[in-house]
Amino acid sequence: MSTDALFKPFKYKNLELKNRIVMAPMTRAQSDNGVPTQQIADYYARRAEAEVGLIISEGTVIKRPASKNMQNIPDFYGTEALNGWKNVIGAVHENGGKMGPQIWHVGDTRSSDDYPEVPMEKASTMTLEDIQDTIAQFAASAKSAKDLGFDVLEIHGAHGYLIDQFFWEVTNTRTDEYGGKTLKERSRFAVDIVKAIRAAVGEDFTIIIRLSQWKQQDYSAKLAQTPAEMEEWLLPLKEAGVDIFHCSQRRFWEPEFEGSDLNFAGWAKKITGQPTITVGSVGLEGDFMAAFGGQGTGKADLSELIRRLERGDFDLVAVGRALLQDPHWVQKIKEGKTEELQDFKAESMAVLY
C-alpha cells in the first residue's frame, strides 16, 4: 500500500503544511493551574520534529468562570498562560512544525464538585450578557493566538461542550434568538463566535471548527439527520468565516447518511466546498473508545483511509491516540516501518511522552 497521499503538501490561504497529517487535540490536563510548562512545550516539539504536518493543541479555555472542568487544563488568556503558550509555539516552530490552539468552553459537562463555588454555564440558562461576553472572550483568545505567532486556530464546537450544547435541541431549550426549533436557528451562537473571531484575526488567518454529530452525553445523537439539514448547519458557519471543517466521528469509516459511503468529512466538503479534516480511530484497530479498555493497537490498516483521501473526500487526516502513544508515528508510516508502531495503552493518557 502506498502512503504517498498522506505526504503531499497542503496549502490554504497562508497555511502551508508539509503533509496531510494533523495531530488531533487531546486533553492532557497537565498545565499547572492553567499555565503550560516546559514539559508541555517539549511534548509538542517532539511531534513537530517527528514530521507531524499540523498540531492542534489540547483544549485551551477562554476567560469565563465555568470554562474548564479540571484545574490543570490550560488557559488561553492572562499573561502567565500566554507566555507559556509563546514558549510552546516557539519550540514547535524551532522544530519545523505548524500549530494552532484549540479554543474551548466545556459548558455544563463538569461535575458540580469540580468548582462548587462557580455556577455552571449551560446553553439553556446563560443570560444574553453571559453569551455576549463569551463571544467576546472567544475572539480575545483567538486574537492572542495570532499575536503569539500560531499558524491557525481551532474552535471546539463538538462532543457536547458549550457550543455544541447550543446546536443540540436536547440541551438548548431557549426561546430567544439563541434558541429555536431548527438546527440553523440554534447555530446562531456558533455563527456569532466565528464572526467575532474573523473580525479579530483578519481574513488571511485560518479558522478551523471541530464539529461532531455524536455527544459524550449520547453517542447516538445526530444533529443533522439529512444532507439538507447538514447544509443548514454548515453553510452559515462557512459564510461567517470558517475555513476548514474538522469532522469528528467515533469511526471515520462509517457512512454519514444512507445511500452514500461518504463519511462526515466527505459530506462537509461536498456541501461547503471547503477543506475538511477527518478524524475518528485513525491508526487504531476498532473504536477509539475500545482502546481505553485495552483493545486496539497503533497498527491498523490505513488502506481505507488512503482510498478516501485519494478520492478527494477530505483533505487532512487527524490522528489522536496513536500519535499520543508514539511521537514518531508519522515517520514510521512514511518509511513503511509499521512493525515498529507501538500499541496504544490507556495509561499513556496520563503521561507526556
Protein backbone atom coordinates (compact mmCIF):
# COMPACT_ATOMS: atom_id res chain seq x y z
CA MET A 1 0.00 0.00 0.00
CA SER A 2 1.35 3.42 -0.96
CA THR A 3 1.02 6.13 1.65
CA ASP A 4 2.06 8.90 -0.76
CA ALA A 5 -1.32 10.65 -0.49
CA LEU A 6 -0.65 11.32 3.20
CA PHE A 7 2.62 13.07 2.40
CA LYS A 8 1.56 15.56 -0.24
CA PRO A 9 1.92 19.22 0.82
CA PHE A 10 -1.24 21.18 1.65
CA LYS A 11 -1.78 24.92 1.18
CA TYR A 12 -4.74 27.08 2.14
CA LYS A 13 -4.50 30.87 2.49
CA ASN A 14 -1.28 31.49 4.42
CA LEU A 15 -1.19 27.96 5.84
CA GLU A 16 1.39 25.66 4.24
CA LEU A 17 1.81 22.12 5.57
CA LYS A 18 4.44 19.53 4.64
CA ASN A 19 1.90 16.68 4.74
CA ARG A 20 -1.74 15.85 5.40
CA ILE A 21 -1.38 14.52 8.94
CA VAL A 22 -2.81 16.52 11.83
CA MET A 23 -2.25 15.81 15.50
CA ALA A 24 -5.74 15.75 16.96
CA PRO A 25 -6.45 17.73 20.13
CA MET A 26 -6.31 15.53 23.23
CA THR A 27 -6.94 16.71 26.78
CA ARG A 28 -3.82 16.28 28.91
CA ALA A 29 -4.69 18.44 31.97
CA GLN A 30 -1.03 18.78 32.94
CA SER A 31 -0.63 22.57 32.77
CA ASP A 32 -0.04 23.74 36.33
CA ASN A 33 -3.03 25.90 37.33
CA GLY A 34 -3.68 26.54 33.65
CA VAL A 35 -0.13 27.55 32.67
CA PRO A 36 1.68 25.41 30.06
CA THR A 37 5.02 24.17 31.35
CA GLN A 38 8.30 23.44 29.59
CA GLN A 39 7.26 19.78 29.64
CA ILE A 40 4.20 20.71 27.55
CA ALA A 41 6.40 22.61 25.09
CA ASP A 42 8.73 19.62 24.79
CA TYR A 43 5.76 17.27 24.25
CA TYR A 44 4.52 19.24 21.24
CA ALA A 45 8.03 19.94 19.93
CA ARG A 46 8.71 16.18 19.73
CA ARG A 47 5.75 15.76 17.38
CA ALA A 48 6.86 18.73 15.28
CA GLU A 49 10.38 17.30 14.99
CA ALA A 50 8.88 13.93 14.00
CA GLU A 51 7.13 15.46 10.95
CA VAL A 52 3.53 15.93 12.06
CA GLY A 53 2.09 18.30 9.45
CA LEU A 54 -0.13 20.34 11.78
CA ILE A 55 -0.50 20.14 15.54
CA ILE A 56 -3.80 21.12 17.16
CA SER A 57 -3.30 21.66 20.87
CA GLU A 58 -5.33 20.16 23.64
CA GLY A 59 -8.39 22.22 24.50
CA THR A 60 -7.47 25.61 25.99
CA VAL A 61 -10.10 27.67 27.73
CA ILE A 62 -11.38 31.20 27.40
CA LYS A 63 -11.76 33.70 30.24
CA ARG A 64 -15.11 32.64 31.62
CA PRO A 65 -15.75 31.42 35.18
CA ALA A 66 -17.03 27.98 34.14
CA SER A 67 -14.91 27.36 31.06
CA LYS A 68 -12.87 24.41 32.39
CA ASN A 69 -13.69 21.24 34.29
CA MET A 70 -10.20 20.41 35.59
CA GLN A 71 -7.75 22.77 37.26
CA ASN A 72 -4.77 21.85 35.08
CA ILE A 73 -6.47 22.28 31.73
CA PRO A 74 -4.53 25.15 30.11
CA ASP A 75 -5.89 28.68 29.89
CA PHE A 76 -5.60 30.80 26.76
CA TYR A 77 -5.76 34.15 28.50
CA GLY A 78 -3.72 36.01 31.09
CA THR A 79 -0.07 36.99 30.95
CA GLU A 80 1.38 33.89 32.59
CA ALA A 81 -0.54 31.34 30.50
CA LEU A 82 0.02 33.23 27.24
CA ASN A 83 3.74 33.42 27.95
CA GLY A 84 3.64 29.65 28.40
CA TRP A 85 1.96 29.27 25.04
CA LYS A 86 4.51 31.61 23.45
CA ASN A 87 7.17 29.18 24.62
CA VAL A 88 5.20 26.27 23.15
CA ILE A 89 4.78 27.77 19.68
CA GLY A 90 8.42 28.86 19.70
CA ALA A 91 9.53 25.30 20.39
CA VAL A 92 7.22 23.90 17.69
CA HIS A 93 8.49 26.37 15.09
CA GLU A 94 12.11 25.70 16.03
CA ASN A 95 11.46 22.05 15.23
CA GLY A 96 9.86 22.75 11.86
CA GLY A 97 6.24 22.36 12.88
CA LYS A 98 2.97 24.26 12.45
CA MET A 99 0.43 24.58 15.26
CA GLY A 100 -2.86 26.07 16.37
CA PRO A 101 -4.58 26.16 19.75
CA GLN A 102 -7.99 24.62 20.18
CA ILE A 103 -10.13 27.21 21.96
CA TRP A 104 -12.75 25.79 24.29
CA HIS A 105 -15.52 26.20 26.84
CA VAL A 106 -16.73 22.99 28.48
CA GLY A 107 -20.22 24.24 29.34
CA ASP A 108 -22.01 22.20 31.99
CA THR A 109 -20.05 18.98 31.38
CA ARG A 110 -18.13 19.41 34.60
CA SER A 111 -19.27 17.94 37.89
CA SER A 112 -20.62 20.37 40.45
CA ASP A 113 -17.86 19.06 42.71
CA ASP A 114 -15.13 20.40 40.40
CA TYR A 115 -15.70 24.06 41.20
CA PRO A 116 -18.53 24.21 43.77
CA GLU A 117 -18.21 27.98 44.11
CA VAL A 118 -18.70 28.63 40.37
CA PRO A 119 -22.13 28.19 38.76
CA MET A 120 -22.20 26.07 35.61
CA GLU A 121 -22.80 27.77 32.30
CA LYS A 122 -25.30 25.94 30.13
CA ALA A 123 -26.89 26.75 26.80
CA SER A 124 -30.39 26.83 28.18
CA THR A 125 -29.78 29.23 31.08
CA MET A 126 -27.00 31.66 30.13
CA THR A 127 -28.11 35.29 30.10
CA LEU A 128 -27.68 37.37 26.95
CA GLU A 129 -24.93 39.25 28.81
CA ASP A 130 -23.19 35.92 29.50
CA ILE A 131 -23.47 34.99 25.83
CA GLN A 132 -22.09 38.28 24.58
CA ASP A 133 -19.12 38.15 26.96
CA THR A 134 -18.44 34.52 25.98
CA ILE A 135 -18.37 35.51 22.31
CA ALA A 136 -16.00 38.39 23.14
CA GLN A 137 -13.70 36.06 25.10
CA PHE A 138 -13.50 33.57 22.23
CA ALA A 139 -12.45 36.46 20.00
CA ALA A 140 -9.91 37.71 22.53
CA SER A 141 -8.26 34.30 22.81
CA ALA A 142 -8.23 33.99 19.02
CA LYS A 143 -6.51 37.37 18.70
CA SER A 144 -3.93 36.22 21.24
CA ALA A 145 -3.27 33.10 19.16
CA LYS A 146 -2.47 35.20 16.12
CA ASP A 147 -0.40 37.69 18.12
CA LEU A 148 1.68 34.87 19.64
CA GLY A 149 2.55 33.55 16.20
CA PHE A 150 0.35 30.47 15.94
CA ASP A 151 -0.35 29.31 12.39
CA VAL A 152 -4.07 28.55 12.76
CA LEU A 153 -6.69 28.25 15.48
CA GLU A 154 -9.47 25.76 16.10
CA ILE A 155 -12.83 26.40 17.75
CA HIS A 156 -14.14 23.44 19.76
CA GLY A 157 -17.76 23.09 18.68
CA ALA A 158 -18.13 19.34 19.23
CA HIS A 159 -18.68 16.49 21.71
CA GLY A 160 -21.35 18.06 23.89
CA TYR A 161 -19.35 21.05 25.15
CA LEU A 162 -20.79 24.58 25.29
CA ILE A 163 -21.02 25.48 21.59
CA ASP A 164 -22.37 22.02 20.81
CA GLN A 165 -24.91 22.39 23.60
CA PHE A 166 -26.37 25.32 21.67
CA PHE A 167 -26.58 23.20 18.50
CA TRP A 168 -28.37 20.32 20.22
CA GLU A 169 -32.14 20.54 20.79
CA VAL A 170 -31.81 18.40 23.93
CA THR A 171 -29.62 20.97 25.72
CA ASN A 172 -30.79 24.20 24.02
CA THR A 173 -34.33 24.89 25.15
CA ARG A 174 -34.03 28.66 24.81
CA THR A 175 -36.93 30.69 23.43
CA ASP A 176 -34.90 33.79 22.47
CA GLU A 177 -32.70 34.43 19.42
CA TYR A 178 -30.14 31.83 20.53
CA GLY A 179 -32.70 29.02 20.61
CA GLY A 180 -35.11 27.69 18.05
CA LYS A 181 -36.70 24.58 16.60
CA THR A 182 -34.24 24.24 13.73
CA LEU A 183 -30.53 23.48 13.73
CA LYS A 184 -29.92 26.63 11.71
CA GLU A 185 -31.55 28.75 14.41
CA ARG A 186 -29.63 27.03 17.20
CA SER A 187 -26.39 27.64 15.31
CA ARG A 188 -26.53 31.39 15.88
CA PHE A 189 -24.22 31.25 18.93
CA ALA A 190 -21.51 29.46 16.92
CA VAL A 191 -22.00 31.76 13.94
CA ASP A 192 -21.62 34.84 16.13
CA ILE A 193 -18.45 33.39 17.67
CA VAL A 194 -16.96 32.73 14.23
CA LYS A 195 -17.84 36.24 13.05
CA ALA A 196 -16.21 37.78 16.13
CA ILE A 197 -13.09 35.68 15.69
CA ARG A 198 -12.84 36.53 12.00
CA ALA A 199 -13.06 40.22 12.85
CA ALA A 200 -10.33 39.78 15.46
CA VAL A 201 -7.82 37.84 13.32
CA GLY A 202 -8.43 39.24 9.83
CA GLU A 203 -9.16 37.50 6.55
CA ASP A 204 -5.89 35.62 5.97
CA PHE A 205 -5.69 33.72 9.27
CA THR A 206 -7.08 30.19 9.01
CA ILE A 207 -10.02 29.29 11.26
CA ILE A 208 -10.88 25.63 11.86
CA ILE A 209 -14.00 24.44 13.66
CA ARG A 210 -14.34 20.97 15.15
CA LEU A 211 -17.85 19.56 14.92
CA SER A 212 -19.48 16.24 15.73
CA GLN A 213 -22.85 14.62 15.42
CA TRP A 214 -22.25 12.40 18.50
CA LYS A 215 -22.04 13.73 22.03
CA GLN A 216 -20.24 12.41 25.07
CA GLN A 217 -23.69 12.55 26.68
CA ASP A 218 -25.21 10.45 23.85
CA TYR A 219 -23.11 8.52 21.34
CA SER A 220 -26.14 8.00 19.07
CA ALA A 221 -27.06 11.70 18.84
CA LYS A 222 -27.31 13.18 15.35
CA LEU A 223 -27.75 16.91 14.84
CA ALA A 224 -28.28 16.68 11.07
CA GLN A 225 -30.48 13.78 10.04
CA THR A 226 -30.22 14.54 6.31
CA PRO A 227 -27.83 16.26 3.89
CA ALA A 228 -30.31 19.16 3.71
CA GLU A 229 -30.12 19.66 7.46
CA MET A 230 -26.33 19.49 7.28
CA GLU A 231 -26.40 22.29 4.70
CA GLU A 232 -28.45 24.45 7.08
CA TRP A 233 -25.87 23.78 9.79
CA LEU A 234 -22.59 24.14 7.90
CA LEU A 235 -23.22 26.81 5.26
CA PRO A 236 -23.90 29.62 7.78
CA LEU A 237 -20.64 28.69 9.54
CA LYS A 238 -18.78 28.90 6.24
CA GLU A 239 -20.36 32.28 5.49
CA ALA A 240 -19.37 33.51 8.95
CA GLY A 241 -15.70 32.73 8.28
CA VAL A 242 -14.88 29.05 8.89
CA ASP A 243 -12.09 27.90 6.57
CA ILE A 244 -11.67 24.22 7.49
CA PHE A 245 -14.20 21.82 8.99
CA HIS A 246 -12.76 19.24 11.41
CA CYS A 247 -15.36 16.47 11.35
CA SER A 248 -15.26 14.15 14.33
CA GLN A 249 -16.63 10.62 14.18
CA ARG A 250 -16.05 7.74 16.54
CA ARG A 251 -15.11 5.66 13.47
CA PHE A 252 -14.04 7.58 10.34
CA TRP A 253 -15.00 4.74 8.00
CA GLU A 254 -18.72 4.84 8.82
CA PRO A 255 -21.05 6.50 6.26
CA GLU A 256 -22.91 9.57 7.46
CA PHE A 257 -26.15 9.07 5.53
CA GLU A 258 -27.81 6.15 3.79
CA GLY A 259 -27.21 5.82 0.06
CA SER A 260 -23.61 7.04 0.11
CA ASP A 261 -20.34 5.83 1.61
CA LEU A 262 -19.22 9.42 2.29
CA ASN A 263 -18.29 9.98 5.91
CA PHE A 264 -18.94 13.20 7.85
CA ALA A 265 -15.86 14.95 6.44
CA GLY A 266 -16.82 13.82 2.94
CA TRP A 267 -20.28 15.31 3.22
CA ALA A 268 -18.96 18.52 4.80
CA LYS A 269 -16.58 19.04 1.88
CA LYS A 270 -19.30 18.24 -0.66
CA ILE A 271 -21.71 20.70 0.96
CA THR A 272 -19.37 23.60 1.71
CA GLY A 273 -16.60 23.25 -0.86
CA GLN A 274 -14.14 23.94 1.97
CA PRO A 275 -11.22 21.74 3.06
CA THR A 276 -12.08 19.17 5.70
CA ILE A 277 -10.26 17.07 8.29
CA THR A 278 -11.42 13.55 9.03
CA VAL A 279 -10.91 12.04 12.47
CA GLY A 280 -12.09 9.01 14.37
CA SER A 281 -10.00 5.98 15.36
CA VAL A 282 -7.37 6.62 12.67
CA GLY A 283 -4.43 4.31 13.30
CA LEU A 284 -6.34 2.20 15.81
CA GLU A 285 -7.93 -1.18 15.30
CA GLY A 286 -11.55 -0.62 16.24
CA ASP A 287 -13.37 2.16 18.04
CA PHE A 288 -11.17 4.68 19.86
CA MET A 289 -13.25 4.20 23.00
CA ALA A 290 -12.39 0.49 22.98
CA ALA A 291 -8.73 1.46 23.20
CA PHE A 292 -9.30 2.57 26.78
CA GLY A 293 -10.28 -0.98 27.61
CA GLY A 294 -7.00 -2.28 26.25
CA GLN A 295 -8.38 -3.10 22.80
CA GLY A 296 -6.99 -1.68 19.57
CA THR A 297 -3.42 -1.03 18.54
CA GLY A 298 -1.39 1.52 16.62
CA LYS A 299 -1.04 -0.93 13.74
CA ALA A 300 -4.38 -0.61 11.97
CA ASP A 301 -4.64 -0.94 8.19
CA LEU A 302 -4.71 2.54 6.60
CA SER A 303 -5.87 1.40 3.15
CA GLU A 304 -9.48 2.56 3.59
CA LEU A 305 -8.34 5.93 4.88
CA ILE A 306 -5.99 6.41 1.92
CA ARG A 307 -8.65 5.26 -0.56
CA ARG A 308 -10.96 8.01 0.67
CA LEU A 309 -8.18 10.62 0.77
CA GLU A 310 -7.10 9.82 -2.79
CA ARG A 311 -10.74 10.04 -3.91
CA GLY A 312 -10.84 13.58 -2.54
CA ASP A 313 -13.39 13.02 0.22
CA PHE A 314 -11.32 15.11 2.65
CA ASP A 315 -8.01 16.98 2.68
CA LEU A 316 -6.40 16.27 6.03
CA VAL A 317 -6.34 13.37 8.48
CA ALA A 318 -6.27 13.83 12.25
CA VAL A 319 -4.54 11.19 14.36
CA GLY A 320 -5.08 11.14 18.10
CA ARG A 321 -4.13 8.34 20.43
CA ALA A 322 -1.78 6.63 18.00
CA LEU A 323 0.31 9.84 17.98
CA LEU A 324 -0.05 10.32 21.71
CA GLN A 325 1.43 6.87 22.25
CA ASP A 326 4.15 7.16 19.62
CA PRO A 327 5.64 10.59 18.77
CA HIS A 328 7.32 9.04 15.71
CA TRP A 329 4.13 7.55 14.25
CA VAL A 330 4.26 9.79 11.15
CA GLN A 331 7.87 8.95 10.35
CA LYS A 332 7.25 5.23 10.79
CA ILE A 333 4.26 5.34 8.44
CA LYS A 334 6.24 7.34 5.87
CA GLU A 335 9.16 4.91 6.00
CA GLY A 336 6.97 1.79 5.97
CA LYS A 337 8.15 0.73 9.41
CA THR A 338 4.72 -0.39 10.57
CA GLU A 339 6.21 -3.24 12.54
CA GLU A 340 7.74 -0.61 14.85
CA LEU A 341 4.43 1.10 15.65
CA GLN A 342 3.53 0.98 19.33
CA ASP A 343 0.28 -0.40 20.68
CA PHE A 344 -1.88 2.23 22.37
CA LYS A 345 -2.10 1.85 26.14
CA ALA A 346 -4.79 3.62 28.14
CA GLU A 347 -2.31 4.61 30.84
CA SER A 348 -0.48 6.73 28.24
CA MET A 349 -3.22 9.33 28.61
CA ALA A 350 -1.62 10.32 31.92
CA VAL A 351 1.92 10.65 30.53
CA LEU A 352 3.61 13.29 28.37
CA TYR A 353 5.88 11.24 26.10
